Amino acid sequence: CERYGYRMLIANTDDDASKERDYILSMIDERVDGIIINTTGENEEFMTKMYNDSGTPFILADRMARDLVFDTVRAADGAAMYRALHHLHDTGYEHVGFFVEKLKSSSTRVHRYEVFHKAYPEIFGEGALFYKLDASVPDVSELQRFVAETEDSKRAIMTVNGVVTM
């Protein structure tokens, strides 16, 4: 950014919609040239209004808006999910547990959940194993449940994001 005469401001919303709104307002007040955002998914109308009122461009990173008003850059996570599951199956894994936070309105989380739900039975021939976590609370009960349910088998864990992985 610096090479091209820009400075970067970074803000962490902790996936909190009200913090996201506050940071967006703050950045617009600072007259930034644009906002790249990994949105909570709960402020689409607000972001559209801010874009229309200020003219500040928004680019969504990874998470999409339901009504695709903004340019979006995302990973090919659907294809990656299929490749990962095929690899695990082909190398002898018998069960893969999919660990995810509450789905809320995170398009990325929902998309990865849906792809896993579709791909797993196609590849493994049985229903998918889902475990929903409250990532804000340290709790290993879902992991323990997965281990107990898949005892005596070669198993793997797939997580939806870095927060769940931690």
Protein backbone atom coordinates (compact mmCIF):
# COMPACT_ATOMS: atom_id res chain seq x y z
CA CYS A 1 0.00 0.00 0.00
CA GLU A 2 2.76 2.40 0.97
CA ARG A 3 4.48 2.01 -2.40
CA TYR A 4 1.34 3.40 -4.05
CA GLY A 5 0.80 6.22 -1.57
CA TYR A 6 -1.75 4.54 0.66
CA ARG A 7 -1.89 3.76 4.34
CA MET A 8 -3.81 0.88 5.79
CA LEU A 9 -6.04 1.08 8.85
CA ILE A 10 -7.05 -2.21 10.45
CA ALA A 11 -9.92 -2.72 12.87
CA ASN A 12 -11.07 -5.90 14.62
CA THR A 13 -14.81 -6.14 15.25
CA ASP A 14 -14.71 -9.53 16.99
CA ASP A 15 -17.60 -10.42 14.65
CA ASP A 16 -19.77 -7.85 16.46
CA ALA A 17 -22.22 -6.00 14.19
CA SER A 18 -22.35 -2.84 16.34
CA LYS A 19 -18.55 -2.57 16.38
CA GLU A 20 -18.58 -3.07 12.62
CA ARG A 21 -20.98 -0.13 12.17
CA ASP A 22 -18.87 2.06 14.48
CA TYR A 23 -15.66 1.27 12.58
CA ILE A 24 -17.31 1.89 9.21
CA LEU A 25 -18.57 5.29 10.41
CA SER A 26 -15.15 6.11 11.82
CA MET A 27 -13.39 5.22 8.58
CA ILE A 28 -15.85 7.22 6.49
CA ASP A 29 -15.31 10.17 8.87
CA GLU A 30 -11.57 9.80 8.21
CA ARG A 31 -12.37 10.00 4.47
CA VAL A 32 -10.68 6.72 3.60
CA ASP A 33 -10.41 5.89 -0.09
CA GLY A 34 -12.13 2.54 0.37
CA ILE A 35 -13.06 -0.16 2.87
CA ILE A 36 -12.14 -3.83 2.56
CA ILE A 37 -14.27 -5.73 5.00
CA ASN A 38 -14.79 -9.26 6.24
CA THR A 39 -18.33 -8.41 7.25
CA THR A 40 -20.38 -9.87 10.07
CA GLY A 41 -23.19 -10.24 7.55
CA GLU A 42 -25.56 -8.25 9.75
CA ASN A 43 -25.01 -4.76 8.33
CA GLU A 44 -25.78 -5.08 4.63
CA GLU A 45 -28.45 -2.36 4.56
CA PHE A 46 -26.25 -0.06 6.65
CA MET A 47 -23.23 -0.64 4.40
CA THR A 48 -25.31 -0.01 1.28
CA LYS A 49 -26.62 3.23 2.78
CA MET A 50 -23.10 4.34 3.78
CA TYR A 51 -21.85 3.56 0.27
CA ASN A 52 -24.71 5.49 -1.32
CA ASP A 53 -24.35 8.45 1.06
CA SER A 54 -20.55 8.71 1.08
CA GLY A 55 -19.46 7.15 -2.20
CA THR A 56 -16.79 5.24 -0.28
CA PRO A 57 -16.27 1.93 -2.09
CA PHE A 58 -16.64 -1.30 -0.14
CA ILE A 59 -15.03 -4.60 -1.11
CA LEU A 60 -16.11 -7.71 0.73
CA ALA A 61 -13.36 -10.15 1.67
CA ASP A 62 -14.47 -13.78 1.85
CA ARG A 63 -17.96 -13.18 3.21
CA MET A 64 -20.61 -12.27 0.67
CA ALA A 65 -23.70 -10.11 0.92
CA ARG A 66 -27.09 -11.70 0.19
CA ASP A 67 -27.91 -8.96 -2.31
CA LEU A 68 -24.55 -8.74 -4.04
CA VAL A 69 -24.15 -4.96 -4.18
CA PHE A 70 -20.40 -4.93 -3.56
CA ASP A 71 -17.43 -6.51 -5.27
CA THR A 72 -16.34 -9.61 -3.39
CA VAL A 73 -13.08 -11.54 -3.23
CA ARG A 74 -13.34 -15.08 -1.88
CA ALA A 75 -11.52 -18.35 -1.74
CA ALA A 76 -12.66 -21.35 -3.77
CA ASP A 77 -13.56 -23.09 -0.52
CA GLY A 78 -16.22 -25.36 -2.06
CA ALA A 79 -13.72 -27.01 -4.39
CA ALA A 80 -11.13 -27.09 -1.60
CA MET A 81 -13.62 -28.87 0.69
CA TYR A 82 -14.22 -31.57 -1.93
CA ARG A 83 -10.46 -32.02 -2.51
CA ALA A 84 -9.78 -32.24 1.23
CA LEU A 85 -12.53 -34.81 1.81
CA HIS A 86 -11.42 -36.91 -1.16
CA HIS A 87 -7.85 -36.83 0.14
CA LEU A 88 -8.92 -37.89 3.63
CA HIS A 89 -11.08 -40.71 2.26
CA ASP A 90 -8.39 -41.89 -0.16
CA THR A 91 -5.79 -42.02 2.63
CA GLY A 92 -7.94 -44.21 4.84
CA TYR A 93 -9.83 -41.88 7.12
CA GLU A 94 -13.18 -43.33 8.13
CA HIS A 95 -14.80 -40.31 9.80
CA VAL A 96 -14.38 -36.55 9.55
CA GLY A 97 -15.96 -34.32 12.16
CA PHE A 98 -16.90 -30.84 10.98
CA PHE A 99 -16.62 -28.27 13.76
CA VAL A 100 -18.32 -24.92 13.26
CA GLU A 101 -19.39 -21.91 15.30
CA LYS A 102 -23.02 -20.81 15.27
CA LEU A 103 -23.91 -20.22 11.65
CA LYS A 104 -25.59 -16.82 12.21
CA SER A 105 -25.34 -14.80 9.06
CA SER A 106 -21.74 -15.55 8.10
CA SER A 107 -22.05 -16.50 4.45
CA THR A 108 -18.66 -18.24 4.52
CA ARG A 109 -19.59 -20.40 7.49
CA VAL A 110 -22.96 -21.28 6.00
CA HIS A 111 -21.42 -22.06 2.61
CA ARG A 112 -18.73 -24.33 4.06
CA TYR A 113 -21.34 -26.08 6.20
CA GLU A 114 -23.59 -26.65 3.18
CA VAL A 115 -20.73 -27.94 1.00
CA PHE A 116 -19.58 -30.34 3.72
CA HIS A 117 -23.18 -31.51 4.26
CA LYS A 118 -23.47 -32.30 0.52
CA ALA A 119 -19.96 -33.65 -0.11
CA TYR A 120 -19.49 -35.90 2.91
CA PRO A 121 -22.20 -38.49 2.09
CA GLU A 122 -21.11 -38.51 -1.57
CA ILE A 123 -17.53 -39.32 -0.59
CA PHE A 124 -17.88 -41.29 2.65
CA GLY A 125 -21.27 -42.92 1.97
CA GLU A 126 -22.79 -41.90 5.28
CA GLY A 127 -24.28 -38.87 7.01
CA ALA A 128 -22.00 -36.00 7.92
CA LEU A 129 -20.79 -35.49 11.49
CA PHE A 130 -21.45 -31.91 12.64
CA TYR A 131 -20.43 -30.31 15.90
CA LYS A 132 -21.50 -26.76 16.72
CA LEU A 133 -19.37 -24.78 19.13
CA ASP A 134 -19.66 -21.61 21.11
CA ALA A 135 -16.18 -20.38 20.24
CA SER A 136 -16.31 -17.67 22.91
CA VAL A 137 -16.32 -20.31 25.68
CA PRO A 138 -13.47 -22.81 26.11
CA ASP A 139 -15.27 -26.15 25.96
CA VAL A 140 -14.06 -29.53 24.78
CA SER A 141 -17.35 -31.41 25.18
CA GLU A 142 -18.11 -31.50 21.44
CA LEU A 143 -14.59 -32.75 20.71
CA GLN A 144 -15.02 -35.43 23.37
CA ARG A 145 -18.36 -36.41 21.83
CA PHE A 146 -16.73 -36.77 18.38
CA VAL A 147 -13.94 -38.93 19.83
CA ALA A 148 -16.48 -41.15 21.63
CA GLU A 149 -18.71 -41.48 18.55
CA THR A 150 -15.83 -42.49 16.30
CA GLU A 151 -13.90 -44.69 18.71
CA ASP A 152 -11.59 -47.28 17.13
CA SER A 153 -11.58 -45.61 13.72
CA LYS A 154 -9.18 -43.42 11.81
CA ARG A 155 -10.67 -39.95 12.13
CA ALA A 156 -9.95 -36.36 11.22
CA ILE A 157 -11.25 -32.98 12.28
CA MET A 158 -12.22 -30.21 9.88
CA THR A 159 -12.82 -26.74 11.25
CA VAL A 160 -14.62 -23.87 9.60
CA ASN A 161 -12.13 -21.13 10.55
CA GLY A 162 -9.13 -20.22 12.71
CA VAL A 163 -11.23 -19.37 15.76
CA VAL A 164 -12.72 -22.86 15.87
CA THR A 165 -9.31 -24.40 15.22
CA MET A 166 -7.90 -22.63 18.28
